[in-house]
């Protein structure tokens, strides 16, 4: 919603006995156009949330998959790249996903990667 926050249109309705809304007063005009691409942008945001929760992919990988092939009108509505990545990291942290290691030394491997003698397989 790019300009919707500045829209000051006020519509006053009167509910009658048969539960139909009767418009009593409309003040000011809309100062923004309808956003036809908004449903597609919401689908992309939902995809980002689902992938962040369901996979161990990096935020860059998830974002690349989400924006691949989207229309320019949808891309305009989406937040910036940095915001999308931050939201993906927040979602992963909220769901208890391990932090993304900065180097191989910080990589935590699960116990199933050990041999019977507790030696690392890798």
PDB file of N, CA and C in Angstrom:
ATOM      1  N   UNK A   1       0.843  -1.170   0.000  1.00  0.00           N
ATOM      2  CA  UNK A   1       0.000   0.000   0.000  1.00  0.00           C
ATOM      3  C   UNK A   1       0.891   1.236   0.000  1.00  0.00           C
ATOM      4  N   UNK A   2       1.191   1.727  -1.153  1.00  0.00           N
ATOM      5  CA  UNK A   2       2.136   2.822  -1.275  1.00  0.00           C
ATOM      6  C   UNK A   2       1.533   4.136  -0.777  1.00  0.00           C
ATOM      7  N   UNK A   3       0.413   4.567  -1.355  1.00  0.00           N
ATOM      8  CA  UNK A   3      -0.169   5.846  -0.983  1.00  0.00           C
ATOM      9  C   UNK A   3      -1.403   5.721  -0.110  1.00  0.00           C
ATOM     10  N   UNK A   4      -1.829   4.534   0.203  1.00  0.00           N
ATOM     11  CA  UNK A   4      -3.060   4.357   0.960  1.00  0.00           C
ATOM     12  C   UNK A   4      -2.969   4.978   2.341  1.00  0.00           C
ATOM     13  N   UNK A   5      -1.773   5.096   2.888  1.00  0.00           N
ATOM     14  CA  UNK A   5      -1.642   5.679   4.213  1.00  0.00           C
ATOM     15  C   UNK A   5      -1.995   7.160   4.216  1.00  0.00           C
ATOM     16  N   UNK A   6      -1.986   7.807   3.053  1.00  0.00           N
ATOM     17  CA  UNK A   6      -2.316   9.218   2.970  1.00  0.00           C
ATOM     18  C   UNK A   6      -3.750   9.455   2.517  1.00  0.00           C
ATOM     19  N   UNK A   7      -4.479   8.407   2.248  1.00  0.00           N
ATOM     20  CA  UNK A   7      -5.850   8.527   1.774  1.00  0.00           C
ATOM     21  C   UNK A   7      -6.740   8.928   2.950  1.00  0.00           C
ATOM     22  N   UNK A   8      -7.465  10.012   2.788  1.00  0.00           N
ATOM     23  CA  UNK A   8      -8.302  10.511   3.875  1.00  0.00           C
ATOM     24  C   UNK A   8      -9.786  10.436   3.525  1.00  0.00           C
ATOM     25  N   UNK A   9     -10.161   9.496   2.694  1.00  0.00           N
ATOM     26  CA  UNK A   9     -11.560   9.337   2.324  1.00  0.00           C
ATOM     27  C   UNK A   9     -12.326   8.798   3.514  1.00  0.00           C
ATOM     28  N   UNK A  10     -13.470   9.392   3.771  1.00  0.00           N
ATOM     29  CA  UNK A  10     -14.309   8.971   4.872  1.00  0.00           C
ATOM     30  C   UNK A  10     -15.689   8.668   4.328  1.00  0.00           C
ATOM     31  N   UNK A  11     -16.183   7.503   4.609  1.00  0.00           N
ATOM     32  CA  UNK A  11     -17.505   7.090   4.159  1.00  0.00           C
ATOM     33  C   UNK A  11     -18.348   6.795   5.388  1.00  0.00           C
ATOM     34  N   UNK A  12     -19.480   7.480   5.510  1.00  0.00           N
ATOM     35  CA  UNK A  12     -20.383   7.275   6.639  1.00  0.00           C
ATOM     36  C   UNK A  12     -21.617   6.552   6.121  1.00  0.00           C
ATOM     37  N   UNK A  13     -21.936   5.426   6.746  1.00  0.00           N
ATOM     38  CA  UNK A  13     -23.095   4.639   6.313  1.00  0.00           C
ATOM     39  C   UNK A  13     -24.113   4.537   7.434  1.00  0.00           C
ATOM     40  N   UNK A  14     -25.333   4.220   7.042  1.00  0.00           N
ATOM     41  CA  UNK A  14     -26.414   4.038   7.992  1.00  0.00           C
ATOM     42  C   UNK A  14     -26.982   2.643   7.768  1.00  0.00           C
ATOM     43  N   UNK A  15     -26.941   1.802   8.779  1.00  0.00           N
ATOM     44  CA  UNK A  15     -27.466   0.446   8.665  1.00  0.00           C
ATOM     45  C   UNK A  15     -28.964   0.491   8.953  1.00  0.00           C
ATOM     46  N   UNK A  16     -29.753   0.025   7.994  1.00  0.00           N
ATOM     47  CA  UNK A  16     -31.209   0.032   8.163  1.00  0.00           C
ATOM     48  C   UNK A  16     -31.673  -1.277   8.776  1.00  0.00           C
ATOM     49  N   UNK A  17     -32.965  -1.391   8.996  1.00  0.00           N
ATOM     50  CA  UNK A  17     -33.533  -2.588   9.622  1.00  0.00           C
ATOM     51  C   UNK A  17     -33.288  -3.861   8.815  1.00  0.00           C
ATOM     52  N   UNK A  18     -33.241  -3.748   7.506  1.00  0.00           N
ATOM     53  CA  UNK A  18     -33.011  -4.937   6.680  1.00  0.00           C
ATOM     54  C   UNK A  18     -31.514  -5.174   6.436  1.00  0.00           C
ATOM     55  N   UNK A  19     -30.688  -4.577   7.277  1.00  0.00           N
ATOM     56  CA  UNK A  19     -29.229  -4.758   7.282  1.00  0.00           C
ATOM     57  C   UNK A  19     -28.537  -4.344   5.987  1.00  0.00           C
ATOM     58  N   UNK A  20     -29.121  -3.424   5.258  1.00  0.00           N
ATOM     59  CA  UNK A  20     -28.438  -2.900   4.084  1.00  0.00           C
ATOM     60  C   UNK A  20     -27.784  -1.580   4.469  1.00  0.00           C
ATOM     61  N   UNK A  21     -26.603  -1.363   3.964  1.00  0.00           N
ATOM     62  CA  UNK A  21     -25.870  -0.133   4.274  1.00  0.00           C
ATOM     63  C   UNK A  21     -26.279   0.961   3.310  1.00  0.00           C
ATOM     64  N   UNK A  22     -26.673   2.075   3.845  1.00  0.00           N
ATOM     65  CA  UNK A  22     -27.034   3.232   3.044  1.00  0.00           C
ATOM     66  C   UNK A  22     -25.940   4.272   3.247  1.00  0.00           C
ATOM     67  N   UNK A  23     -25.315   4.698   2.160  1.00  0.00           N
ATOM     68  CA  UNK A  23     -24.244   5.683   2.253  1.00  0.00           C
ATOM     69  C   UNK A  23     -24.865   7.036   2.559  1.00  0.00           C
ATOM     70  N   UNK A  24     -24.443   7.622   3.668  1.00  0.00           N
ATOM     71  CA  UNK A  24     -24.975   8.910   4.088  1.00  0.00           C
ATOM     72  C   UNK A  24     -24.089  10.042   3.594  1.00  0.00           C
ATOM     73  N   UNK A  25     -22.782   9.862   3.711  1.00  0.00           N
ATOM     74  CA  UNK A  25     -21.871  10.939   3.358  1.00  0.00           C
ATOM     75  C   UNK A  25     -20.528  10.361   2.927  1.00  0.00           C
ATOM     76  N   UNK A  26     -19.965  10.945   1.885  1.00  0.00           N
ATOM     77  CA  UNK A  26     -18.606  10.612   1.458  1.00  0.00           C
ATOM     78  C   UNK A  26     -17.838  11.924   1.408  1.00  0.00           C
ATOM     79  N   UNK A  27     -16.758  11.987   2.131  1.00  0.00           N
ATOM     80  CA  UNK A  27     -15.965  13.211   2.134  1.00  0.00           C
ATOM     81  C   UNK A  27     -14.608  12.955   1.493  1.00  0.00           C
ATOM     82  N   UNK A  28     -14.150  13.893   0.712  1.00  0.00           N
ATOM     83  CA  UNK A  28     -12.860  13.862   0.028  1.00  0.00           C
ATOM     84  C   UNK A  28     -12.836  12.764  -1.053  1.00  0.00           C
ATOM     85  N   UNK A  29     -11.887  12.855  -1.905  1.00  0.00           N
ATOM     86  CA  UNK A  29     -11.685  11.873  -2.971  1.00  0.00           C
ATOM     87  C   UNK A  29     -10.463  11.025  -2.634  1.00  0.00           C
ATOM     88  N   UNK A  30     -10.424   9.824  -3.196  1.00  0.00           N
ATOM     89  CA  UNK A  30      -9.222   9.008  -3.035  1.00  0.00           C
ATOM     90  C   UNK A  30      -8.060   9.723  -3.711  1.00  0.00           C
ATOM     91  N   UNK A  31      -6.901   9.662  -3.097  1.00  0.00           N
ATOM     92  CA  UNK A  31      -5.729  10.290  -3.709  1.00  0.00           C
ATOM     93  C   UNK A  31      -4.732   9.246  -4.209  1.00  0.00           C
ATOM     94  N   UNK A  32      -5.209   8.014  -4.407  1.00  0.00           N
ATOM     95  CA  UNK A  32      -4.343   6.964  -4.933  1.00  0.00           C
ATOM     96  C   UNK A  32      -5.168   6.044  -5.823  1.00  0.00           C
ATOM     97  N   UNK A  33      -4.472   5.388  -6.739  1.00  0.00           N
ATOM     98  CA  UNK A  33      -5.139   4.457  -7.650  1.00  0.00           C
ATOM     99  C   UNK A  33      -5.225   3.077  -7.009  1.00  0.00           C
ATOM    100  N   UNK A  34      -6.119   2.278  -7.518  1.00  0.00           N
ATOM    101  CA  UNK A  34      -6.218   0.894  -7.050  1.00  0.00           C
ATOM    102  C   UNK A  34      -4.953   0.142  -7.460  1.00  0.00           C
ATOM    103  N   UNK A  35      -4.572  -0.849  -6.681  1.00  0.00           N
ATOM    104  CA  UNK A  35      -3.366  -1.616  -6.976  1.00  0.00           C
ATOM    105  C   UNK A  35      -3.771  -3.014  -7.433  1.00  0.00           C
ATOM    106  N   UNK A  36      -3.787  -3.192  -8.740  1.00  0.00           N
ATOM    107  CA  UNK A  36      -4.202  -4.475  -9.298  1.00  0.00           C
ATOM    108  C   UNK A  36      -3.203  -5.584  -8.973  1.00  0.00           C
ATOM    109  N   UNK A  37      -1.962  -5.231  -8.732  1.00  0.00           N
ATOM    110  CA  UNK A  37      -0.922  -6.234  -8.475  1.00  0.00           C
ATOM    111  C   UNK A  37      -0.839  -6.627  -7.001  1.00  0.00           C
ATOM    112  N   UNK A  38      -1.629  -6.015  -6.146  1.00  0.00           N
ATOM    113  CA  UNK A  38      -1.536  -6.280  -4.706  1.00  0.00           C
ATOM    114  C   UNK A  38      -1.793  -7.746  -4.353  1.00  0.00           C
ATOM    115  N   UNK A  39      -2.805  -8.421  -4.930  1.00  0.00           N
ATOM    116  CA  UNK A  39      -2.996  -9.844  -4.596  1.00  0.00           C
ATOM    117  C   UNK A  39      -1.773 -10.700  -4.924  1.00  0.00           C
ATOM    118  N   UNK A  40      -1.123 -10.412  -6.045  1.00  0.00           N
ATOM    119  CA  UNK A  40       0.089 -11.162  -6.401  1.00  0.00           C
ATOM    120  C   UNK A  40       1.221 -10.868  -5.416  1.00  0.00           C
ATOM    121  N   UNK A  41       1.332  -9.621  -4.982  1.00  0.00           N
ATOM    122  CA  UNK A  41       2.362  -9.269  -4.003  1.00  0.00           C
ATOM    123  C   UNK A  41       2.103  -9.983  -2.676  1.00  0.00           C
ATOM    124  N   UNK A  42       0.846 -10.096  -2.288  1.00  0.00           N
ATOM    125  CA  UNK A  42       0.510 -10.813  -1.054  1.00  0.00           C
ATOM    126  C   UNK A  42       0.851 -12.295  -1.174  1.00  0.00           C
ATOM    127  N   UNK A  43       0.653 -12.872  -2.376  1.00  0.00           N
ATOM    128  CA  UNK A  43       1.018 -14.274  -2.595  1.00  0.00           C
ATOM    129  C   UNK A  43       2.532 -14.468  -2.469  1.00  0.00           C
ATOM    130  N   UNK A  44       3.295 -13.527  -3.003  1.00  0.00           N
ATOM    131  CA  UNK A  44       4.758 -13.602  -2.906  1.00  0.00           C
ATOM    132  C   UNK A  44       5.186 -13.517  -1.441  1.00  0.00           C
ATOM    133  N   UNK A  45       4.579 -12.603  -0.684  1.00  0.00           N
ATOM    134  CA  UNK A  45       4.917 -12.476   0.741  1.00  0.00           C
ATOM    135  C   UNK A  45       4.582 -13.754   1.499  1.00  0.00           C
ATOM    136  N   UNK A  46       3.449 -14.371   1.164  1.00  0.00           N
ATOM    137  CA  UNK A  46       3.068 -15.624   1.821  1.00  0.00           C
ATOM    138  C   UNK A  46       4.053 -16.739   1.466  1.00  0.00           C
ATOM    139  N   UNK A  47       4.478 -16.778   0.209  1.00  0.00           N
ATOM    140  CA  UNK A  47       5.474 -17.762  -0.224  1.00  0.00           C
ATOM    141  C   UNK A  47       6.766 -17.583   0.571  1.00  0.00           C
ATOM    142  N   UNK A  48       7.185 -16.329   0.756  1.00  0.00           N
ATOM    143  CA  UNK A  48       8.404 -16.050   1.521  1.00  0.00           C
ATOM    144  C   UNK A  48       8.287 -16.578   2.945  1.00  0.00           C
ATOM    145  N   UNK A  49       7.150 -16.341   3.584  1.00  0.00           N
ATOM    146  CA  UNK A  49       6.943 -16.810   4.960  1.00  0.00           C
ATOM    147  C   UNK A  49       6.976 -18.333   5.034  1.00  0.00           C
ATOM    148  N   UNK A  50       6.300 -18.982   4.094  1.00  0.00           N
ATOM    149  CA  UNK A  50       6.244 -20.449   4.107  1.00  0.00           C
ATOM    150  C   UNK A  50       7.622 -21.058   3.881  1.00  0.00           C
ATOM    151  N   UNK A  51       8.375 -20.524   2.916  1.00  0.00           N
ATOM    152  CA  UNK A  51       9.709 -21.058   2.631  1.00  0.00           C
ATOM    153  C   UNK A  51      10.665 -20.812   3.795  1.00  0.00           C
ATOM    154  N   UNK A  52      10.531 -19.659   4.440  1.00  0.00           N
ATOM    155  CA  UNK A  52      11.398 -19.355   5.580  1.00  0.00           C
ATOM    156  C   UNK A  52      11.156 -20.336   6.712  1.00  0.00           C
ATOM    157  N   UNK A  53       9.912 -20.736   6.905  1.00  0.00           N
ATOM    158  CA  UNK A  53       9.578 -21.668   7.984  1.00  0.00           C
ATOM    159  C   UNK A  53       9.910 -23.111   7.634  1.00  0.00           C
ATOM    160  N   UNK A  54       9.790 -23.465   6.361  1.00  0.00           N
ATOM    161  CA  UNK A  54       9.861 -24.870   5.973  1.00  0.00           C
ATOM    162  C   UNK A  54      11.238 -25.337   5.501  1.00  0.00           C
ATOM    163  N   UNK A  55      12.145 -24.422   5.167  1.00  0.00           N
ATOM    164  CA  UNK A  55      13.422 -24.840   4.584  1.00  0.00           C
ATOM    165  C   UNK A  55      14.601 -24.280   5.363  1.00  0.00           C
ATOM    166  N   UNK A  56      15.782 -24.801   5.063  1.00  0.00           N
ATOM    167  CA  UNK A  56      17.031 -24.304   5.635  1.00  0.00           C
ATOM    168  C   UNK A  56      17.780 -23.435   4.622  1.00  0.00           C
ATOM    169  N   UNK A  57      17.098 -22.992   3.587  1.00  0.00           N
ATOM    170  CA  UNK A  57      17.731 -22.160   2.571  1.00  0.00           C
ATOM    171  C   UNK A  57      18.073 -20.791   3.147  1.00  0.00           C
ATOM    172  N   UNK A  58      19.048 -20.143   2.530  1.00  0.00           N
ATOM    173  CA  UNK A  58      19.438 -18.805   2.978  1.00  0.00           C
ATOM    174  C   UNK A  58      18.372 -17.799   2.547  1.00  0.00           C
ATOM    175  N   UNK A  59      18.311 -16.650   3.207  1.00  0.00           N
ATOM    176  CA  UNK A  59      17.354 -15.624   2.798  1.00  0.00           C
ATOM    177  C   UNK A  59      17.503 -15.224   1.333  1.00  0.00           C
ATOM    178  N   UNK A  60      18.748 -15.168   0.837  1.00  0.00           N
ATOM    179  CA  UNK A  60      18.965 -14.816  -0.566  1.00  0.00           C
ATOM    180  C   UNK A  60      18.344 -15.854  -1.497  1.00  0.00           C
ATOM    181  N   UNK A  61      18.505 -17.134  -1.181  1.00  0.00           N
ATOM    182  CA  UNK A  61      17.930 -18.191  -2.019  1.00  0.00           C
ATOM    183  C   UNK A  61      16.407 -18.119  -2.021  1.00  0.00           C
ATOM    184  N   UNK A  62      15.823 -17.916  -0.851  1.00  0.00           N
ATOM    185  CA  UNK A  62      14.363 -17.841  -0.752  1.00  0.00           C
ATOM    186  C   UNK A  62      13.850 -16.640  -1.530  1.00  0.00           C
ATOM    187  N   UNK A  63      14.510 -15.492  -1.369  1.00  0.00           N
ATOM    188  CA  UNK A  63      14.077 -14.290  -2.067  1.00  0.00           C
ATOM    189  C   UNK A  63      14.208 -14.456  -3.578  1.00  0.00           C
ATOM    190  N   UNK A  64      15.292 -15.067  -4.031  1.00  0.00           N
ATOM    191  CA  UNK A  64      15.495 -15.276  -5.467  1.00  0.00           C
ATOM    192  C   UNK A  64      14.390 -16.132  -6.064  1.00  0.00           C
ATOM    193  N   UNK A  65      14.002 -17.195  -5.353  1.00  0.00           N
ATOM    194  CA  UNK A  65      12.922 -18.051  -5.836  1.00  0.00           C
ATOM    195  C   UNK A  65      11.597 -17.299  -5.880  1.00  0.00           C
ATOM    196  N   UNK A  66      11.362 -16.451  -4.892  1.00  0.00           N
ATOM    197  CA  UNK A  66      10.080 -15.756  -4.791  1.00  0.00           C
ATOM    198  C   UNK A  66       9.903 -14.711  -5.886  1.00  0.00           C
ATOM    199  N   UNK A  67      10.960 -13.990  -6.209  1.00  0.00           N
ATOM    200  CA  UNK A  67      10.822 -12.891  -7.168  1.00  0.00           C
ATOM    201  C   UNK A  67      11.115 -13.307  -8.602  1.00  0.00           C
ATOM    202  N   UNK A  68      11.477 -14.554  -8.797  1.00  0.00           N
ATOM    203  CA  UNK A  68      11.781 -15.035 -10.142  1.00  0.00           C
ATOM    204  C   UNK A  68      10.526 -14.991 -11.012  1.00  0.00           C
ATOM    205  N   UNK A  69      10.580 -14.214 -12.071  1.00  0.00           N
ATOM    206  CA  UNK A  69       9.493 -14.171 -13.041  1.00  0.00           C
ATOM    207  C   UNK A  69       8.281 -13.345 -12.640  1.00  0.00           C
ATOM    208  N   UNK A  70       8.370 -12.556 -11.567  1.00  0.00           N
ATOM    209  CA  UNK A  70       7.206 -11.742 -11.207  1.00  0.00           C
ATOM    210  C   UNK A  70       7.157 -10.500 -12.083  1.00  0.00           C
ATOM    211  N   UNK A  71       5.980  -9.955 -12.238  1.00  0.00           N
ATOM    212  CA  UNK A  71       5.768  -8.769 -13.058  1.00  0.00           C
ATOM    213  C   UNK A  71       6.354  -7.544 -12.353  1.00  0.00           C
ATOM    214  N   UNK A  72       6.753  -6.556 -13.122  1.00  0.00           N
ATOM    215  CA  UNK A  72       7.343  -5.341 -12.553  1.00  0.00           C
ATOM    216  C   UNK A  72       6.367  -4.618 -11.625  1.00  0.00           C
ATOM    217  N   UNK A  73       5.068  -4.683 -11.931  1.00  0.00           N
ATOM    218  CA  UNK A  73       4.077  -4.030 -11.072  1.00  0.00           C
ATOM    219  C   UNK A  73       4.027  -4.671  -9.689  1.00  0.00           C
ATOM    220  N   UNK A  74       4.283  -5.962  -9.618  1.00  0.00           N
ATOM    221  CA  UNK A  74       4.300  -6.660  -8.332  1.00  0.00           C
ATOM    222  C   UNK A  74       5.574  -6.294  -7.578  1.00  0.00           C
ATOM    223  N   UNK A  75       6.689  -6.230  -8.283  1.00  0.00           N
ATOM    224  CA  UNK A  75       7.974  -5.916  -7.651  1.00  0.00           C
ATOM    225  C   UNK A  75       7.963  -4.533  -7.006  1.00  0.00           C
ATOM    226  N   UNK A  76       7.229  -3.604  -7.593  1.00  0.00           N
ATOM    227  CA  UNK A  76       7.159  -2.247  -7.049  1.00  0.00           C
ATOM    228  C   UNK A  76       6.476  -2.237  -5.688  1.00  0.00           C
ATOM    229  N   UNK A  77       5.501  -3.102  -5.495  1.00  0.00           N
ATOM    230  CA  UNK A  77       4.736  -3.135  -4.247  1.00  0.00           C
ATOM    231  C   UNK A  77       5.518  -3.818  -3.127  1.00  0.00           C
ATOM    232  N   UNK A  78       6.388  -4.759  -3.481  1.00  0.00           N
ATOM    233  CA  UNK A  78       7.142  -5.504  -2.466  1.00  0.00           C
ATOM    234  C   UNK A  78       8.121  -4.590  -1.726  1.00  0.00           C
ATOM    235  N   UNK A  79       8.458  -4.942  -0.486  1.00  0.00           N
ATOM    236  CA  UNK A  79       9.464  -4.168   0.256  1.00  0.00           C
ATOM    237  C   UNK A  79      10.839  -4.298  -0.398  1.00  0.00           C
ATOM    238  N   UNK A  80      11.804  -3.547   0.100  1.00  0.00           N
ATOM    239  CA  UNK A  80      13.163  -3.602  -0.439  1.00  0.00           C
ATOM    240  C   UNK A  80      13.788  -4.973  -0.176  1.00  0.00           C
ATOM    241  N   UNK A  81      14.871  -5.268  -0.897  1.00  0.00           N
ATOM    242  CA  UNK A  81      15.562  -6.555  -0.729  1.00  0.00           C
ATOM    243  C   UNK A  81      16.024  -6.755   0.707  1.00  0.00           C
ATOM    244  N   UNK A  82      16.585  -5.710   1.287  1.00  0.00           N
ATOM    245  CA  UNK A  82      17.086  -5.811   2.658  1.00  0.00           C
ATOM    246  C   UNK A  82      15.954  -6.120   3.635  1.00  0.00           C
ATOM    247  N   UNK A  83      14.803  -5.492   3.428  1.00  0.00           N
ATOM    248  CA  UNK A  83      13.655  -5.729   4.308  1.00  0.00           C
ATOM    249  C   UNK A  83      13.141  -7.153   4.158  1.00  0.00           C
ATOM    250  N   UNK A  84      13.082  -7.642   2.923  1.00  0.00           N
ATOM    251  CA  UNK A  84      12.626  -9.017   2.692  1.00  0.00           C
ATOM    252  C   UNK A  84      13.563  -9.999   3.390  1.00  0.00           C
ATOM    253  N   UNK A  85      14.871  -9.812   3.227  1.00  0.00           N
ATOM    254  CA  UNK A  85      15.840 -10.714   3.863  1.00  0.00           C
ATOM    255  C   UNK A  85      15.738 -10.656   5.384  1.00  0.00           C
ATOM    256  N   UNK A  86      15.579  -9.449   5.930  1.00  0.00           N
ATOM    257  CA  UNK A  86      15.447  -9.306   7.382  1.00  0.00           C
ATOM    258  C   UNK A  86      14.195 -10.024   7.879  1.00  0.00           C
ATOM    259  N   UNK A  87      13.088  -9.892   7.142  1.00  0.00           N
ATOM    260  CA  UNK A  87      11.851 -10.569   7.534  1.00  0.00           C
ATOM    261  C   UNK A  87      12.003 -12.088   7.484  1.00  0.00           C
ATOM    262  N   UNK A  88      12.743 -12.587   6.497  1.00  0.00           N
ATOM    263  CA  UNK A  88      12.991 -14.029   6.404  1.00  0.00           C
ATOM    264  C   UNK A  88      13.816 -14.487   7.606  1.00  0.00           C
ATOM    265  N   UNK A  89      14.868 -13.730   7.952  1.00  0.00           N
ATOM    266  CA  UNK A  89      15.686 -14.093   9.117  1.00  0.00           C
ATOM    267  C   UNK A  89      14.863 -14.071  10.401  1.00  0.00           C
ATOM    268  N   UNK A  90      14.007 -13.065  10.547  1.00  0.00           N
ATOM    269  CA  UNK A  90      13.145 -12.991  11.733  1.00  0.00           C
ATOM    270  C   UNK A  90      12.219 -14.193  11.806  1.00  0.00           C
ATOM    271  N   UNK A  91      11.651 -14.587  10.663  1.00  0.00           N
ATOM    272  CA  UNK A  91      10.746 -15.739  10.640  1.00  0.00           C
ATOM    273  C   UNK A  91      11.501 -17.004  11.026  1.00  0.00           C
ATOM    274  N   UNK A  92      12.705 -17.163  10.496  1.00  0.00           N
ATOM    275  CA  UNK A  92      13.509 -18.342  10.829  1.00  0.00           C
ATOM    276  C   UNK A  92      13.839 -18.365  12.321  1.00  0.00           C
ATOM    277  N   UNK A  93      14.212 -17.223  12.886  1.00  0.00           N
ATOM    278  CA  UNK A  93      14.525 -17.152  14.314  1.00  0.00           C
ATOM    279  C   UNK A  93      13.291 -17.429  15.161  1.00  0.00           C
ATOM    280  N   UNK A  94      12.156 -16.929  14.732  1.00  0.00           N
ATOM    281  CA  UNK A  94      10.903 -17.149  15.460  1.00  0.00           C
ATOM    282  C   UNK A  94      10.554 -18.630  15.494  1.00  0.00           C
ATOM    283  N   UNK A  95      10.816 -19.318  14.400  1.00  0.00           N
ATOM    284  CA  UNK A  95      10.497 -20.742  14.306  1.00  0.00           C
ATOM    285  C   UNK A  95      11.585 -21.622  14.903  1.00  0.00           C
ATOM    286  N   UNK A  96      12.629 -21.026  15.467  1.00  0.00           N
ATOM    287  CA  UNK A  96      13.674 -21.796  16.132  1.00  0.00           C
ATOM    288  C   UNK A  96      14.706 -22.393  15.204  1.00  0.00           C
ATOM    289  N   UNK A  97      14.843 -21.862  14.015  1.00  0.00           N
ATOM    290  CA  UNK A  97      15.846 -22.378  13.083  1.00  0.00           C
ATOM    291  C   UNK A  97      17.234 -21.969  13.566  1.00  0.00           C
ATOM    292  N   UNK A  98      18.237 -22.807  13.339  1.00  0.00           N
ATOM    293  CA  UNK A  98      19.591 -22.437  13.755  1.00  0.00           C
ATOM    294  C   UNK A  98      20.099 -21.248  12.942  1.00  0.00           C
ATOM    295  N   UNK A  99      20.991 -20.483  13.529  1.00  0.00           N
ATOM    296  CA  UNK A  99      21.559 -19.327  12.844  1.00  0.00           C
ATOM    297  C   UNK A  99      22.374 -19.787  11.646  1.00  0.00           C
ATOM    298  N   UNK A 100      22.445 -18.947  10.644  1.00  0.00           N
ATOM    299  CA  UNK A 100      23.233 -19.258   9.456  1.00  0.00           C
ATOM    300  C   UNK A 100      24.707 -19.087   9.821  1.00  0.00           C
ATOM    301  N   UNK A 101      25.529 -20.155   9.676  1.00  0.00           N
ATOM    302  CA  UNK A 101      26.944 -20.052  10.065  1.00  0.00           C
ATOM    303  C   UNK A 101      27.696 -19.112   9.133  1.00  0.00           C
ATOM    304  N   UNK A 102      28.640 -18.367   9.712  1.00  0.00           N
ATOM    305  CA  UNK A 102      29.422 -17.434   8.917  1.00  0.00           C
ATOM    306  C   UNK A 102      30.611 -18.111   8.252  1.00  0.00           C
ATOM    307  N   UNK A 103      31.054 -19.253   8.796  1.00  0.00           N
ATOM    308  CA  UNK A 103      32.120 -20.023   8.167  1.00  0.00           C
ATOM    309  C   UNK A 103      31.936 -21.493   8.547  1.00  0.00           C
ATOM    310  N   UNK A 104      32.742 -22.353   7.957  1.00  0.00           N
ATOM    311  CA  UNK A 104      32.606 -23.796   8.171  1.00  0.00           C
ATOM    312  C   UNK A 104      32.897 -24.169   9.617  1.00  0.00           C
ATOM    313  N   UNK A 105      33.759 -23.425  10.288  1.00  0.00           N
ATOM    314  CA  UNK A 105      34.090 -23.712  11.678  1.00  0.00           C
ATOM    315  C   UNK A 105      32.906 -23.541  12.622  1.00  0.00           C
ATOM    316  N   UNK A 106      31.963 -22.676  12.259  1.00  0.00           N
ATOM    317  CA  UNK A 106      30.785 -22.434  13.096  1.00  0.00           C
ATOM    318  C   UNK A 106      29.632 -23.379  12.773  1.00  0.00           C
ATOM    319  N   UNK A 107      29.819 -24.244  11.799  1.00  0.00           N
ATOM    320  CA  UNK A 107      28.756 -25.144  11.372  1.00  0.00           C
ATOM    321  C   UNK A 107      28.522 -26.218  12.428  1.00  0.00           C
ATOM    322  N   UNK A 108      27.290 -26.327  12.894  1.00  0.00           N
ATOM    323  CA  UNK A 108      26.928 -27.333  13.893  1.00  0.00           C
ATOM    324  C   UNK A 108      26.273 -28.494  13.160  1.00  0.00           C
ATOM    325  N   UNK A 109      26.882 -29.674  13.271  1.00  0.00           N
ATOM    326  CA  UNK A 109      26.361 -30.857  12.592  1.00  0.00           C
ATOM    327  C   UNK A 109      25.557 -31.701  13.573  1.00  0.00           C
ATOM    328  N   UNK A 110      24.470 -32.295  13.126  1.00  0.00           N
ATOM    329  CA  UNK A 110      23.676 -33.144  14.021  1.00  0.00           C
ATOM    330  C   UNK A 110      24.423 -34.429  14.369  1.00  0.00           C
ATOM    331  N   UNK A 111      23.988 -35.109  15.422  1.00  0.00           N
ATOM    332  CA  UNK A 111      24.641 -36.329  15.896  1.00  0.00           C
ATOM    333  C   UNK A 111      24.612 -37.453  14.862  1.00  0.00           C
ATOM    334  N   UNK A 112      23.654 -37.457  13.965  1.00  0.00           N
ATOM    335  CA  UNK A 112      23.575 -38.538  12.971  1.00  0.00           C
ATOM    336  C   UNK A 112      24.758 -38.514  12.015  1.00  0.00           C
ATOM    337  N   UNK A 113      25.530 -37.417  11.993  1.00  0.00           N
ATOM    338  CA  UNK A 113      26.691 -37.361  11.111  1.00  0.00           C
ATOM    339  C   UNK A 113      27.944 -37.929  11.771  1.00  0.00           C
ATOM    340  N   UNK A 114      27.816 -38.452  12.980  1.00  0.00           N
ATOM    341  CA  UNK A 114      28.946 -39.083  13.675  1.00  0.00           C
ATOM    342  C   UNK A 114      28.921 -40.595  13.449  1.00  0.00           C
ATOM    343  N   UNK A 115      30.101 -41.198  13.510  1.00  0.00           N
ATOM    344  CA  UNK A 115      30.193 -42.655  13.414  1.00  0.00           C
ATOM    345  C   UNK A 115      29.964 -43.260  14.793  1.00  0.00           C
ATOM    346  N   UNK A 116      30.025 -44.572  14.889  1.00  0.00           N
ATOM    347  CA  UNK A 116      29.839 -45.245  16.175  1.00  0.00           C
ATOM    348  C   UNK A 116      30.911 -44.862  17.193  1.00  0.00           C
ATOM    349  N   UNK A 117      32.098 -44.504  16.720  1.00  0.00           N
ATOM    350  CA  UNK A 117      33.196 -44.127  17.614  1.00  0.00           C
ATOM    351  C   UNK A 117      33.240 -42.616  17.856  1.00  0.00           C
ATOM    352  N   UNK A 118      32.170 -41.913  17.521  1.00  0.00           N
ATOM    353  CA  UNK A 118      32.042 -40.457  17.683  1.00  0.00           C
ATOM    354  C   UNK A 118      32.983 -39.666  16.788  1.00  0.00           C
ATOM    355  N   UNK A 119      33.495 -40.290  15.723  1.00  0.00           N
ATOM    356  CA  UNK A 119      34.291 -39.553  14.759  1.00  0.00           C
ATOM    357  C   UNK A 119      33.349 -38.890  13.765  1.00  0.00           C
ATOM    358  N   UNK A 120      33.731 -37.706  13.317  1.00  0.00           N
ATOM    359  CA  UNK A 120      32.932 -36.999  12.320  1.00  0.00           C
ATOM    360  C   UNK A 120      33.058 -37.694  10.968  1.00  0.00           C
ATOM    361  N   UNK A 121      31.952 -37.805  10.271  1.00  0.00           N
ATOM    362  CA  UNK A 121      31.974 -38.401   8.936  1.00  0.00           C
ATOM    363  C   UNK A 121      32.595 -37.450   7.921  1.00  0.00           C
ATOM    364  N   UNK A 122      32.527 -36.186   8.179  1.00  0.00           N
ATOM    365  CA  UNK A 122      33.030 -35.210   7.220  1.00  0.00           C
ATOM    366  C   UNK A 122      34.364 -34.680   7.620  1.00  0.00           C
TER     367      UNK A 122
END
